[in-house]
C-alpha atoms as a PDB file:
ATOM      1  CA  UNK A   1      -5.848  67.602 -17.965  1.00  0.00           C
ATOM      2  CA  UNK A   2      -5.577  63.905 -16.994  1.00  0.00           C
ATOM      3  CA  UNK A   3      -3.192  62.307 -14.713  1.00  0.00           C
ATOM      4  CA  UNK A   4      -2.552  58.356 -14.413  1.00  0.00           C
ATOM      5  CA  UNK A   5      -2.721  57.380 -10.775  1.00  0.00           C
ATOM      6  CA  UNK A   6      -1.733  54.092  -9.619  1.00  0.00           C
ATOM      7  CA  UNK A   7      -2.326  52.818  -6.132  1.00  0.00           C
ATOM      8  CA  UNK A   8       0.617  50.375  -4.734  1.00  0.00           C
ATOM      9  CA  UNK A   9       0.726  48.346  -1.691  1.00  0.00           C
ATOM     10  CA  UNK A  10       4.316  48.716  -0.652  1.00  0.00           C
ATOM     11  CA  UNK A  11       6.201  46.333   1.699  1.00  0.00           C
ATOM     12  CA  UNK A  12       3.521  43.666   0.730  1.00  0.00           C
ATOM     13  CA  UNK A  13       3.261  40.411  -1.094  1.00  0.00           C
ATOM     14  CA  UNK A  14      -0.526  40.750  -1.562  1.00  0.00           C
ATOM     15  CA  UNK A  15      -2.910  43.302  -1.714  1.00  0.00           C
ATOM     16  CA  UNK A  16      -4.421  44.948   1.461  1.00  0.00           C
ATOM     17  CA  UNK A  17      -1.102  44.527   3.373  1.00  0.00           C
ATOM     18  CA  UNK A  18       1.764  46.789   3.648  1.00  0.00           C
ATOM     19  CA  UNK A  19       1.530  50.594   3.195  1.00  0.00           C
ATOM     20  CA  UNK A  20      -0.507  51.798   0.091  1.00  0.00           C
ATOM     21  CA  UNK A  21       0.775  54.775  -1.915  1.00  0.00           C
ATOM     22  CA  UNK A  22      -0.589  56.800  -4.610  1.00  0.00           C
ATOM     23  CA  UNK A  23       1.801  57.241  -7.535  1.00  0.00           C
ATOM     24  CA  UNK A  24       1.356  60.071 -10.158  1.00  0.00           C
ATOM     25  CA  UNK A  25       3.922  60.289 -13.039  1.00  0.00           C
ATOM     26  CA  UNK A  26       3.863  63.726 -14.534  1.00  0.00           C
ATOM     27  CA  UNK A  27       5.175  65.212 -17.891  1.00  0.00           C
ATOM     28  CA  UNK A  28       6.128  68.484 -16.035  1.00  0.00           C
ATOM     29  CA  UNK A  29       5.719  69.926 -12.479  1.00  0.00           C
ATOM     30  CA  UNK A  30       2.443  71.405 -11.521  1.00  0.00           C
ATOM     31  CA  UNK A  31       1.820  74.288  -9.004  1.00  0.00           C
ATOM     32  CA  UNK A  32       2.654  73.019  -5.500  1.00  0.00           C
ATOM     33  CA  UNK A  33      -0.781  74.028  -4.075  1.00  0.00           C
ATOM     34  CA  UNK A  34      -2.166  71.679  -6.733  1.00  0.00           C
ATOM     35  CA  UNK A  35      -0.008  68.644  -5.788  1.00  0.00           C
ATOM     36  CA  UNK A  36      -0.994  69.285  -2.173  1.00  0.00           C
ATOM     37  CA  UNK A  37      -4.582  69.279  -3.030  1.00  0.00           C
ATOM     38  CA  UNK A  38      -4.258  65.870  -5.086  1.00  0.00           C
ATOM     39  CA  UNK A  39      -2.516  64.351  -2.291  1.00  0.00           C
ATOM     40  CA  UNK A  40      -5.194  65.569   0.169  1.00  0.00           C
ATOM     41  CA  UNK A  41      -7.844  64.162  -2.065  1.00  0.00           C
ATOM     42  CA  UNK A  42      -6.161  60.850  -2.154  1.00  0.00           C
ATOM     43  CA  UNK A  43      -6.114  60.960   1.564  1.00  0.00           C
ATOM     44  CA  UNK A  44      -3.402  58.242   1.847  1.00  0.00           C
ATOM     45  CA  UNK A  45      -0.252  58.597   4.015  1.00  0.00           C
ATOM     46  CA  UNK A  46       1.693  59.619   0.805  1.00  0.00           C
ATOM     47  CA  UNK A  47       1.297  60.387  -2.811  1.00  0.00           C
ATOM     48  CA  UNK A  48       4.506  60.270  -4.919  1.00  0.00           C
ATOM     49  CA  UNK A  49       4.936  62.701  -7.956  1.00  0.00           C
ATOM     50  CA  UNK A  50       7.773  62.453 -10.354  1.00  0.00           C
ATOM     51  CA  UNK A  51       9.050  63.958 -13.724  1.00  0.00           C
ATOM     52  CA  UNK A  52      11.965  62.832 -15.681  1.00  0.00           C
ATOM     53  CA  UNK A  53      15.270  64.379 -14.983  1.00  0.00           C
ATOM     54  CA  UNK A  54      18.986  63.735 -15.730  1.00  0.00           C
ATOM     55  CA  UNK A  55      18.415  60.184 -16.872  1.00  0.00           C
ATOM     56  CA  UNK A  56      16.349  59.598 -13.672  1.00  0.00           C
ATOM     57  CA  UNK A  57      13.481  61.174 -12.084  1.00  0.00           C
ATOM     58  CA  UNK A  58      12.830  64.221  -9.661  1.00  0.00           C
ATOM     59  CA  UNK A  59      10.563  62.618  -6.913  1.00  0.00           C
ATOM     60  CA  UNK A  60       8.491  64.458  -4.369  1.00  0.00           C
ATOM     61  CA  UNK A  61       6.424  63.285  -1.737  1.00  0.00           C
ATOM     62  CA  UNK A  62       3.237  64.629  -0.061  1.00  0.00           C
ATOM     63  CA  UNK A  63       1.111  63.587   2.773  1.00  0.00           C
ATOM     64  CA  UNK A  64      -2.459  64.854   3.155  1.00  0.00           C
ATOM     65  CA  UNK A  65      -0.859  67.773   5.235  1.00  0.00           C
ATOM     66  CA  UNK A  66       2.444  68.575   3.544  1.00  0.00           C
ATOM     67  CA  UNK A  67       5.521  67.758   1.485  1.00  0.00           C
ATOM     68  CA  UNK A  68       8.157  65.787   3.269  1.00  0.00           C
ATOM     69  CA  UNK A  69      11.729  65.228   2.823  1.00  0.00           C
ATOM     70  CA  UNK A  70      12.014  61.283   2.773  1.00  0.00           C
ATOM     71  CA  UNK A  71       9.601  58.674   2.321  1.00  0.00           C
ATOM     72  CA  UNK A  72      10.366  54.999   1.900  1.00  0.00           C
ATOM     73  CA  UNK A  73       7.303  52.976   0.715  1.00  0.00           C
ATOM     74  CA  UNK A  74       6.050  55.768  -1.723  1.00  0.00           C
ATOM     75  CA  UNK A  75       9.660  55.468  -3.323  1.00  0.00           C
ATOM     76  CA  UNK A  76       9.283  51.728  -3.718  1.00  0.00           C
ATOM     77  CA  UNK A  77       5.997  52.176  -5.094  1.00  0.00           C
ATOM     78  CA  UNK A  78       7.254  54.882  -7.572  1.00  0.00           C
ATOM     79  CA  UNK A  79       9.986  52.339  -8.621  1.00  0.00           C
ATOM     80  CA  UNK A  80       7.330  49.644  -8.950  1.00  0.00           C
ATOM     81  CA  UNK A  81       5.326  51.707 -11.417  1.00  0.00           C
ATOM     82  CA  UNK A  82       8.177  52.745 -13.401  1.00  0.00           C
ATOM     83  CA  UNK A  83       9.577  49.032 -13.697  1.00  0.00           C
ATOM     84  CA  UNK A  84       6.318  47.369 -14.295  1.00  0.00           C
ATOM     85  CA  UNK A  85       4.134  49.988 -16.021  1.00  0.00           C
ATOM     86  CA  UNK A  86       6.267  52.626 -17.724  1.00  0.00           C
ATOM     87  CA  UNK A  87       9.063  50.618 -19.418  1.00  0.00           C
ATOM     88  CA  UNK A  88      11.926  51.305 -17.194  1.00  0.00           C
ATOM     89  CA  UNK A  89      14.884  49.647 -18.600  1.00  0.00           C
ATOM     90  CA  UNK A  90      17.730  48.176 -16.406  1.00  0.00           C
ATOM     91  CA  UNK A  91      17.962  47.224 -12.824  1.00  0.00           C
ATOM     92  CA  UNK A  92      18.406  50.760 -11.140  1.00  0.00           C
ATOM     93  CA  UNK A  93      16.418  53.857 -10.861  1.00  0.00           C
ATOM     94  CA  UNK A  94      17.938  57.108  -9.740  1.00  0.00           C
ATOM     95  CA  UNK A  95      15.484  59.446  -7.756  1.00  0.00           C
ATOM     96  CA  UNK A  96      16.730  63.033  -7.360  1.00  0.00           C
ATOM     97  CA  UNK A  97      14.865  64.290  -4.068  1.00  0.00           C
ATOM     98  CA  UNK A  98      15.022  66.568  -0.994  1.00  0.00           C
ATOM     99  CA  UNK A  99      17.149  63.961   0.494  1.00  0.00           C
ATOM    100  CA  UNK A 100      19.793  63.689  -2.405  1.00  0.00           C
ATOM    101  CA  UNK A 101      19.915  61.026  -5.033  1.00  0.00           C
ATOM    102  CA  UNK A 102      18.149  57.718  -3.919  1.00  0.00           C
ATOM    103  CA  UNK A 103      18.802  54.605  -5.746  1.00  0.00           C
ATOM    104  CA  UNK A 104      16.270  51.600  -6.169  1.00  0.00           C
ATOM    105  CA  UNK A 105      17.157  48.281  -7.453  1.00  0.00           C
ATOM    106  CA  UNK A 106      14.851  45.665  -8.797  1.00  0.00           C
ATOM    107  CA  UNK A 107      15.989  41.900  -8.438  1.00  0.00           C
ATOM    108  CA  UNK A 108      14.116  38.510  -7.988  1.00  0.00           C
ATOM    109  CA  UNK A 109      11.066  40.333  -7.142  1.00  0.00           C
ATOM    110  CA  UNK A 110      12.496  42.587  -4.430  1.00  0.00           C
ATOM    111  CA  UNK A 111      13.114  46.310  -4.550  1.00  0.00           C
ATOM    112  CA  UNK A 112      15.991  47.730  -2.701  1.00  0.00           C
ATOM    113  CA  UNK A 113      16.048  51.241  -1.344  1.00  0.00           C
ATOM    114  CA  UNK A 114      19.602  52.812  -1.038  1.00  0.00           C
ATOM    115  CA  UNK A 115      18.678  55.681   1.761  1.00  0.00           C
ATOM    116  CA  UNK A 116      20.977  57.767   4.219  1.00  0.00           C
ATOM    117  CA  UNK A 117      21.294  56.435   7.565  1.00  0.00           C
ATOM    118  CA  UNK A 118      20.495  58.403  10.855  1.00  0.00           C
ATOM    119  CA  UNK A 119      21.726  57.160  14.135  1.00  0.00           C
ATOM    120  CA  UNK A 120      19.390  58.141  16.869  1.00  0.00           C
ATOM    121  CA  UNK A 121      20.965  59.977  19.891  1.00  0.00           C
ATOM    122  CA  UNK A 122      19.946  60.188  23.506  1.00  0.00           C
ATOM    123  CA  UNK A 123      18.017  63.330  24.472  1.00  0.00           C
ATOM    124  CA  UNK A 124      16.244  64.956  27.259  1.00  0.00           C
ATOM    125  CA  UNK A 125      12.695  63.368  27.025  1.00  0.00           C
ATOM    126  CA  UNK A 126       9.785  65.952  26.282  1.00  0.00           C
ATOM    127  CA  UNK A 127       7.042  65.981  28.707  1.00  0.00           C
ATOM    128  CA  UNK A 128       4.617  65.831  25.729  1.00  0.00           C
ATOM    129  CA  UNK A 129       6.089  62.717  24.444  1.00  0.00           C
ATOM    130  CA  UNK A 130       5.710  60.785  27.936  1.00  0.00           C
ATOM    131  CA  UNK A 131       2.074  62.087  28.102  1.00  0.00           C
ATOM    132  CA  UNK A 132       1.245  60.469  24.889  1.00  0.00           C
ATOM    133  CA  UNK A 133       2.557  57.035  25.770  1.00  0.00           C
ATOM    134  CA  UNK A 134       0.518  54.323  27.505  1.00  0.00           C
ATOM    135  CA  UNK A 135       3.410  52.287  28.945  1.00  0.00           C
ATOM    136  CA  UNK A 136       6.958  52.811  30.197  1.00  0.00           C
ATOM    137  CA  UNK A 137       9.886  53.211  27.933  1.00  0.00           C
ATOM    138  CA  UNK A 138      13.400  51.499  28.229  1.00  0.00           C
ATOM    139  CA  UNK A 139      14.808  54.487  26.183  1.00  0.00           C
ATOM    140  CA  UNK A 140      13.999  57.421  24.224  1.00  0.00           C
ATOM    141  CA  UNK A 141      16.186  58.690  21.523  1.00  0.00           C
ATOM    142  CA  UNK A 142      15.976  60.841  18.665  1.00  0.00           C
ATOM    143  CA  UNK A 143      16.743  60.916  15.081  1.00  0.00           C
ATOM    144  CA  UNK A 144      14.417  62.845  12.535  1.00  0.00           C
ATOM    145  CA  UNK A 145      11.857  61.107  14.755  1.00  0.00           C
ATOM    146  CA  UNK A 146      11.561  60.200  18.390  1.00  0.00           C
ATOM    147  CA  UNK A 147      12.530  56.600  18.956  1.00  0.00           C
ATOM    148  CA  UNK A 148      10.812  54.906  21.899  1.00  0.00           C
ATOM    149  CA  UNK A 149      12.526  51.556  23.198  1.00  0.00           C
ATOM    150  CA  UNK A 150      10.126  49.117  24.560  1.00  0.00           C
ATOM    151  CA  UNK A 151      10.867  45.977  26.373  1.00  0.00           C
ATOM    152  CA  UNK A 152       9.358  43.381  24.074  1.00  0.00           C
ATOM    153  CA  UNK A 153       7.198  42.970  20.929  1.00  0.00           C
ATOM    154  CA  UNK A 154       4.071  42.677  23.067  1.00  0.00           C
ATOM    155  CA  UNK A 155       4.452  45.863  24.600  1.00  0.00           C
ATOM    156  CA  UNK A 156       4.700  47.398  21.117  1.00  0.00           C
ATOM    157  CA  UNK A 157       1.268  45.580  19.948  1.00  0.00           C
ATOM    158  CA  UNK A 158      -0.316  46.740  23.047  1.00  0.00           C
ATOM    159  CA  UNK A 159       0.436  50.268  22.855  1.00  0.00           C
ATOM    160  CA  UNK A 160      -2.478  52.786  22.607  1.00  0.00           C
ATOM    161  CA  UNK A 161      -1.007  56.399  22.258  1.00  0.00           C
ATOM    162  CA  UNK A 162      -2.712  59.641  23.145  1.00  0.00           C
ATOM    163  CA  UNK A 163      -2.194  61.527  19.905  1.00  0.00           C
ATOM    164  CA  UNK A 164      -3.255  64.912  21.414  1.00  0.00           C
ATOM    165  CA  UNK A 165       0.121  65.606  23.303  1.00  0.00           C
ATOM    166  CA  UNK A 166       2.162  64.877  20.100  1.00  0.00           C
ATOM    167  CA  UNK A 167       0.808  67.270  17.977  1.00  0.00           C
ATOM    168  CA  UNK A 168       3.204  69.681  19.892  1.00  0.00           C
ATOM    169  CA  UNK A 169       6.235  67.791  19.499  1.00  0.00           C
ATOM    170  CA  UNK A 170       9.030  69.466  17.219  1.00  0.00           C
ATOM    171  CA  UNK A 171      10.139  66.310  15.225  1.00  0.00           C
ATOM    172  CA  UNK A 172       8.332  64.494  12.459  1.00  0.00           C
ATOM    173  CA  UNK A 173       6.638  61.551  14.547  1.00  0.00           C
ATOM    174  CA  UNK A 174       7.122  59.049  17.316  1.00  0.00           C
ATOM    175  CA  UNK A 175       8.520  55.543  16.233  1.00  0.00           C
ATOM    176  CA  UNK A 176       8.180  52.779  18.841  1.00  0.00           C
ATOM    177  CA  UNK A 177      10.198  49.649  18.684  1.00  0.00           C
ATOM    178  CA  UNK A 178      11.347  46.546  20.701  1.00  0.00           C
ATOM    179  CA  UNK A 179      13.058  43.138  19.979  1.00  0.00           C
ATOM    180  CA  UNK A 180      10.964  40.801  17.796  1.00  0.00           C
ATOM    181  CA  UNK A 181       9.862  37.392  18.759  1.00  0.00           C
ATOM    182  CA  UNK A 182      10.387  36.011  15.014  1.00  0.00           C
ATOM    183  CA  UNK A 183      12.358  38.955  13.515  1.00  0.00           C
ATOM    184  CA  UNK A 184      15.141  41.029  14.841  1.00  0.00           C
ATOM    185  CA  UNK A 185      13.022  44.035  15.496  1.00  0.00           C
ATOM    186  CA  UNK A 186       9.428  45.209  15.336  1.00  0.00           C
ATOM    187  CA  UNK A 187       8.223  48.937  15.158  1.00  0.00           C
ATOM    188  CA  UNK A 188       5.139  51.101  14.946  1.00  0.00           C
ATOM    189  CA  UNK A 189       5.091  54.396  13.611  1.00  0.00           C
ATOM    190  CA  UNK A 190       2.868  57.493  14.565  1.00  0.00           C
ATOM    191  CA  UNK A 191       2.635  60.877  12.638  1.00  0.00           C
ATOM    192  CA  UNK A 192      -0.280  62.945  14.220  1.00  0.00           C
ATOM    193  CA  UNK A 193       1.171  66.154  12.944  1.00  0.00           C
ATOM    194  CA  UNK A 194       1.224  64.948   9.427  1.00  0.00           C
ATOM    195  CA  UNK A 195      -2.425  63.597   9.653  1.00  0.00           C
ATOM    196  CA  UNK A 196      -1.121  60.313   9.720  1.00  0.00           C
ATOM    197  CA  UNK A 197      -2.077  58.888  13.245  1.00  0.00           C
ATOM    198  CA  UNK A 198      -0.470  55.438  12.604  1.00  0.00           C
ATOM    199  CA  UNK A 199       1.473  54.701   9.315  1.00  0.00           C
ATOM    200  CA  UNK A 200       1.146  51.062   8.243  1.00  0.00           C
ATOM    201  CA  UNK A 201       4.661  50.565   7.086  1.00  0.00           C
ATOM    202  CA  UNK A 202       7.464  53.424   7.213  1.00  0.00           C
ATOM    203  CA  UNK A 203      10.387  52.666   5.188  1.00  0.00           C
ATOM    204  CA  UNK A 204      12.037  56.109   6.262  1.00  0.00           C
ATOM    205  CA  UNK A 205      11.753  55.260  10.108  1.00  0.00           C
ATOM    206  CA  UNK A 206      14.084  52.183   9.432  1.00  0.00           C
ATOM    207  CA  UNK A 207      16.741  54.649   8.289  1.00  0.00           C
ATOM    208  CA  UNK A 208      16.927  55.304  12.047  1.00  0.00           C
ATOM    209  CA  UNK A 209      15.988  52.109  13.327  1.00  0.00           C
ATOM    210  CA  UNK A 210      18.321  49.931  11.541  1.00  0.00           C
ATOM    211  CA  UNK A 211      21.632  51.653  12.809  1.00  0.00           C
ATOM    212  CA  UNK A 212      20.188  51.446  16.428  1.00  0.00           C
ATOM    213  CA  UNK A 213      19.372  47.743  16.162  1.00  0.00           C
ATOM    214  CA  UNK A 214      22.632  47.049  14.219  1.00  0.00           C
ATOM    215  CA  UNK A 215      24.575  48.340  17.240  1.00  0.00           C
ATOM    216  CA  UNK A 216      22.473  46.873  19.820  1.00  0.00           C
ATOM    217  CA  UNK A 217      22.482  43.409  18.039  1.00  0.00           C
ATOM    218  CA  UNK A 218      26.067  43.631  16.562  1.00  0.00           C
ATOM    219  CA  UNK A 219      24.735  42.699  13.305  1.00  0.00           C
ATOM    220  CA  UNK A 220      24.479  44.734   9.912  1.00  0.00           C
ATOM    221  CA  UNK A 221      21.643  42.689   8.087  1.00  0.00           C
ATOM    222  CA  UNK A 222      18.293  42.570   9.967  1.00  0.00           C
ATOM    223  CA  UNK A 223      14.887  41.539   9.505  1.00  0.00           C
ATOM    224  CA  UNK A 224      11.984  43.652  10.455  1.00  0.00           C
ATOM    225  CA  UNK A 225       8.115  43.640  10.761  1.00  0.00           C
ATOM    226  CA  UNK A 226       6.021  46.837  11.407  1.00  0.00           C
ATOM    227  CA  UNK A 227       3.088  45.765  13.432  1.00  0.00           C
ATOM    228  CA  UNK A 228       0.129  47.997  12.230  1.00  0.00           C
ATOM    229  CA  UNK A 229      -3.347  46.718  11.081  1.00  0.00           C
ATOM    230  CA  UNK A 230      -1.712  46.416   7.781  1.00  0.00           C
ATOM    231  CA  UNK A 231       1.581  44.790   8.865  1.00  0.00           C
ATOM    232  CA  UNK A 232       4.537  44.647   6.535  1.00  0.00           C
ATOM    233  CA  UNK A 233       8.132  43.021   6.446  1.00  0.00           C
ATOM    234  CA  UNK A 234      11.401  44.523   5.605  1.00  0.00           C
ATOM    235  CA  UNK A 235      14.962  43.443   5.209  1.00  0.00           C
ATOM    236  CA  UNK A 236      17.375  46.143   6.389  1.00  0.00           C
ATOM    237  CA  UNK A 237      21.269  46.317   5.808  1.00  0.00           C
ATOM    238  CA  UNK A 238      23.517  48.948   7.381  1.00  0.00           C
ATOM    239  CA  UNK A 239      26.432  49.961   4.908  1.00  0.00           C
ATOM    240  CA  UNK A 240      28.418  52.543   6.527  1.00  0.00           C
ATOM    241  CA  UNK A 241      26.309  55.833   6.393  1.00  0.00           C
ATOM    242  CA  UNK A 242      23.571  54.395   4.111  1.00  0.00           C
ATOM    243  CA  UNK A 243      20.709  51.865   4.746  1.00  0.00           C
ATOM    244  CA  UNK A 244      19.495  49.254   2.199  1.00  0.00           C
ATOM    245  CA  UNK A 245      15.722  48.385   2.811  1.00  0.00           C
ATOM    246  CA  UNK A 246      13.984  45.719   0.827  1.00  0.00           C
ATOM    247  CA  UNK A 247      10.678  44.652   0.157  1.00  0.00           C
ATOM    248  CA  UNK A 248       8.176  43.596  -2.391  1.00  0.00           C
ATOM    249  CA  UNK A 249       5.032  45.758  -3.745  1.00  0.00           C
ATOM    250  CA  UNK A 250       1.773  44.870  -5.497  1.00  0.00           C
ATOM    251  CA  UNK A 251      -0.732  46.763  -7.619  1.00  0.00           C
ATOM    252  CA  UNK A 252      -3.894  47.622  -6.155  1.00  0.00           C
ATOM    253  CA  UNK A 253      -5.510  50.154  -8.707  1.00  0.00           C
ATOM    254  CA  UNK A 254      -5.014  52.298 -11.642  1.00  0.00           C
ATOM    255  CA  UNK A 255      -7.099  55.189 -12.458  1.00  0.00           C
ATOM    256  CA  UNK A 256      -7.359  58.767 -13.860  1.00  0.00           C
ATOM    257  CA  UNK A 257      -7.311  62.115 -11.929  1.00  0.00           C
ATOM    258  CA  UNK A 258      -9.451  64.635 -13.995  1.00  0.00           C
ATOM    259  CA  UNK A 259      -8.191  68.041 -13.420  1.00  0.00           C
ATOM    260  CA  UNK A 260     -10.201  70.958 -14.681  1.00  0.00           C
ATOM    261  CA  UNK A 261      -8.336  73.447 -16.768  1.00  0.00           C
ATOM    262  CA  UNK A 262      -8.817  76.291 -14.083  1.00  0.00           C
ATOM    263  CA  UNK A 263      -7.218  74.118 -11.495  1.00  0.00           C
ATOM    264  CA  UNK A 264      -4.064  73.439 -13.556  1.00  0.00           C
ATOM    265  CA  UNK A 265      -3.835  77.107 -14.623  1.00  0.00           C
ATOM    266  CA  UNK A 266      -4.039  78.178 -10.970  1.00  0.00           C
END
């Protein structure tokens, strides 16, 4: 069996920036163990798989370690493939996912994700979280990740975490954020439990960062920059219990995955 694979740099205006995601359109679902092995072989932070469903697409995301409930950059990458390579008609795509129906709109070169918002809450700070930080935090909150607020952009850039203690944390990962020098806020995102020590540009993390910064800055439309070694820019807008996250995407490669019949049959 042959599967077409696209690799797309999401939240990027040119190659070698943003967050690379693999996208594999499928005619039907393969065995979950095989999907996991393909994602592990790709060795990117996310591989997106989708099949047609109900006028839209059933979309799933796999890290090299496991399937996840929500992923922004691979959703954007999947939409980019559908609009630019697979002839999707119209300006919107509905993806049916573990996080409900997620809509992506394409307009004027931007892809806009409509995702559920999660407002981080104050928590009792786990000792393992503090053990992994290399600097003091102004606040520690929790959504589906731990959200660590630092004083300024320089502190975010300079952070050198110790990942070992964070493997024992119960939440997905650790998101570090601060006010930006030229944007409303900056961040870095760490997911050592998922075999992704630092994710380049994390759309889903902005579902929890946007409500926090919207409340703190008293504005609903914000500019953001993720400060990884492959930085990326996002525009985020809070609309009630939803977050709209916009960015660009560019193609890096198109290839073919060759699966032996024995693997497909399990």
